Amino acid sequence: MNSRELMLALSLIAFAYAPLTLADNSGRLIQGAGTTMVTGGTGAPDFVPVITKFGIHWRNGQGRLECLALAPSAPAGDPGSGDFDKNVMYVTGTIESVEVHGKVAHLTGKATVTGLGAGSDRPFTATAERGGPGAQFVLTVSGLTFDEIVLDGQIKF
């Protein structure tokens, strides 16, 4: 076999195994943090605005998710109704697996939840769209789903 044939054979082998390497996200870095506004879902209280502070980090097959949901303690229209000062939910957990499809990462794991949906070892899924303000983040945990829009911060992978 001459060197040209060898290079062609090695290139074909590398090309054949490339999809397997890309499908394995254990070495991929996924990270993000920011503030979101809950825009809907089964967990959003009616007529009460909710913002979240979230953080995600995944690298080398392990990662964490943190999400703190805040709501105003004063009713709409009252003084202070725009102050997000009431902790209504906190989700802290371990990301166990990640799948990336284009500009969307699907994260799954287990979390401890306080406030709404409280409990330990609760399975969660999170869908994170790559980008900054306007990107979508959806968290499902304890039978509740929170559709969120990133207001500030960034999700990268």
Protein backbone atom coordinates (compact mmCIF):
# COMPACT_ATOMS: atom_id res chain seq x y z
CA MET A 1 0.00 0.00 0.00
CA ASN A 2 1.48 3.37 -0.98
CA SER A 3 1.27 6.48 1.16
CA ARG A 4 -1.62 7.92 -0.85
CA GLU A 5 -3.72 4.78 -0.29
CA LEU A 6 -2.78 4.74 3.38
CA MET A 7 -3.87 8.38 3.82
CA LEU A 8 -7.15 7.64 2.03
CA ALA A 9 -7.80 4.59 4.22
CA LEU A 10 -7.04 6.51 7.43
CA SER A 11 -9.26 9.40 6.30
CA LEU A 12 -12.15 7.03 5.61
CA ILE A 13 -11.74 5.37 9.00
CA ALA A 14 -11.65 8.75 10.76
CA PHE A 15 -14.70 9.92 8.82
CA ALA A 16 -16.61 6.72 9.64
CA TYR A 17 -15.99 7.13 13.38
CA ALA A 18 -16.57 10.91 13.54
CA PRO A 19 -20.34 10.65 14.16
CA LEU A 20 -19.70 8.34 17.13
CA THR A 21 -17.28 10.85 18.61
CA LEU A 22 -19.70 13.75 18.09
CA ALA A 23 -22.59 11.79 19.61
CA ASP A 24 -20.61 11.21 22.82
CA ASN A 25 -21.02 14.49 24.74
CA SER A 26 -18.98 13.44 27.78
CA GLY A 27 -16.05 15.66 26.75
CA ARG A 28 -18.20 18.58 25.64
CA LEU A 29 -18.40 21.76 27.71
CA ILE A 30 -21.86 23.16 28.35
CA GLN A 31 -22.16 26.13 30.66
CA GLY A 32 -24.44 29.03 31.31
CA ALA A 33 -25.79 31.37 33.92
CA GLY A 34 -28.17 34.26 34.03
CA THR A 35 -31.60 35.58 34.84
CA THR A 36 -34.80 34.39 33.21
CA MET A 37 -38.47 35.35 33.24
CA VAL A 38 -40.92 32.47 33.56
CA THR A 39 -43.31 32.87 30.63
CA GLY A 40 -45.53 29.84 31.21
CA GLY A 41 -45.73 26.17 32.02
CA THR A 42 -47.46 24.06 34.63
CA GLY A 43 -45.42 25.51 37.50
CA ALA A 44 -45.94 29.21 36.88
CA PRO A 45 -48.37 30.83 39.32
CA ASP A 46 -51.20 32.72 37.60
CA PHE A 47 -50.69 36.49 37.38
CA VAL A 48 -47.56 36.41 39.52
CA PRO A 49 -44.32 37.27 37.76
CA VAL A 50 -41.43 34.91 38.50
CA ILE A 51 -37.77 35.41 37.69
CA THR A 52 -35.06 32.81 38.12
CA LYS A 53 -31.34 32.88 38.64
CA PHE A 54 -29.90 29.79 36.98
CA GLY A 55 -26.52 28.19 36.47
CA ILE A 56 -25.51 25.06 34.53
CA HIS A 57 -22.12 23.48 34.02
CA TRP A 58 -21.25 20.15 32.32
CA ARG A 59 -17.82 18.83 31.42
CA ASN A 60 -16.22 15.39 31.16
CA GLY A 61 -19.43 13.53 31.96
CA GLN A 62 -20.41 15.42 35.10
CA GLY A 63 -22.16 18.63 35.95
CA ARG A 64 -24.47 20.72 38.13
CA LEU A 65 -27.70 22.65 37.77
CA GLU A 66 -28.78 25.41 40.13
CA CYS A 67 -32.03 27.36 39.76
CA LEU A 68 -33.50 29.84 42.26
CA ALA A 69 -37.05 31.10 41.55
CA LEU A 70 -38.06 34.45 43.01
CA ALA A 71 -41.47 36.17 43.11
CA PRO A 72 -42.65 39.46 44.64
CA SER A 73 -44.03 39.18 48.16
CA ALA A 74 -46.37 42.14 47.54
CA PRO A 75 -49.45 41.66 45.32
CA ALA A 76 -49.52 43.26 41.85
CA GLY A 77 -50.17 47.00 42.00
CA ASP A 78 -49.06 47.36 45.63
CA PRO A 79 -45.81 49.11 46.54
CA GLY A 80 -42.97 46.60 46.27
CA SER A 81 -44.82 44.39 43.79
CA GLY A 82 -41.86 44.68 41.43
CA ASP A 83 -39.36 43.50 44.05
CA PHE A 84 -38.54 39.83 43.49
CA ASP A 85 -37.77 39.09 47.14
CA LYS A 86 -39.61 35.82 47.92
CA ASN A 87 -37.82 32.50 47.38
CA VAL A 88 -40.57 30.30 45.94
CA MET A 89 -38.39 27.40 44.73
CA TYR A 90 -34.78 26.29 44.68
CA VAL A 91 -33.50 23.39 42.56
CA THR A 92 -29.96 22.10 43.10
CA GLY A 93 -28.82 18.94 41.42
CA THR A 94 -26.41 16.79 39.51
CA ILE A 95 -26.59 16.60 35.73
CA GLU A 96 -26.26 12.92 34.81
CA SER A 97 -26.55 13.05 31.01
CA VAL A 98 -26.53 15.50 28.14
CA GLU A 99 -27.69 15.28 24.54
CA VAL A 100 -27.00 18.10 22.11
CA HIS A 101 -29.09 18.58 18.99
CA GLY A 102 -28.02 21.63 17.00
CA LYS A 103 -28.38 24.68 19.22
CA VAL A 104 -30.31 22.90 21.99
CA ALA A 105 -28.90 20.86 24.88
CA HIS A 106 -31.12 18.40 26.79
CA LEU A 107 -29.92 17.83 30.37
CA THR A 108 -31.22 15.17 32.75
CA GLY A 109 -30.39 14.43 36.35
CA LYS A 110 -31.58 14.38 39.95
CA ALA A 111 -32.09 17.33 42.28
CA THR A 112 -33.09 18.46 45.72
CA VAL A 113 -36.00 20.88 45.52
CA THR A 114 -37.24 23.33 48.17
CA GLY A 115 -40.44 25.38 47.97
CA LEU A 116 -42.74 24.40 45.09
CA GLY A 117 -42.39 20.66 44.38
CA ALA A 118 -40.15 20.11 47.43
CA GLY A 119 -38.34 16.80 47.77
CA SER A 120 -35.03 15.01 47.38
CA ASP A 121 -33.70 12.92 44.56
CA ARG A 122 -36.25 14.41 42.14
CA PRO A 123 -35.64 13.65 38.46
CA PHE A 124 -35.35 16.74 36.29
CA THR A 125 -34.95 17.62 32.65
CA ALA A 126 -33.75 20.95 31.35
CA THR A 127 -33.66 22.15 27.78
CA ALA A 128 -31.17 24.95 27.20
CA GLU A 129 -30.98 26.87 23.94
CA ARG A 130 -27.57 28.26 23.05
CA GLY A 131 -27.43 32.06 23.22
CA GLY A 132 -27.99 35.12 25.35
CA PRO A 133 -31.06 37.27 25.94
CA GLY A 134 -34.06 35.72 24.21
CA ALA A 135 -32.77 32.14 24.41
CA GLN A 136 -35.19 29.60 25.86
CA PHE A 137 -34.62 27.56 29.02
CA VAL A 138 -37.22 24.97 30.09
CA LEU A 139 -36.98 23.16 33.44
CA THR A 140 -39.22 20.22 34.36
CA VAL A 141 -39.01 18.90 37.93
CA SER A 142 -41.46 17.51 40.50
CA GLY A 143 -44.20 17.34 37.86
CA LEU A 144 -43.89 21.07 37.16
CA THR A 145 -42.66 22.65 33.93
CA PHE A 146 -41.25 26.17 33.74
CA ASP A 147 -40.92 27.78 30.29
CA GLU A 148 -38.38 30.57 30.64
CA ILE A 149 -36.77 33.24 28.49
CA VAL A 150 -33.20 34.37 29.24
CA LEU A 151 -33.17 38.09 30.10
CA ASP A 152 -29.46 38.36 30.78
CA GLY A 153 -26.59 35.94 30.80
CA GLN A 154 -25.43 33.35 28.30
CA ILE A 155 -25.69 29.63 27.52
CA LYS A 156 -22.68 28.21 25.63
CA PHE A 157 -21.67 24.85 24.19
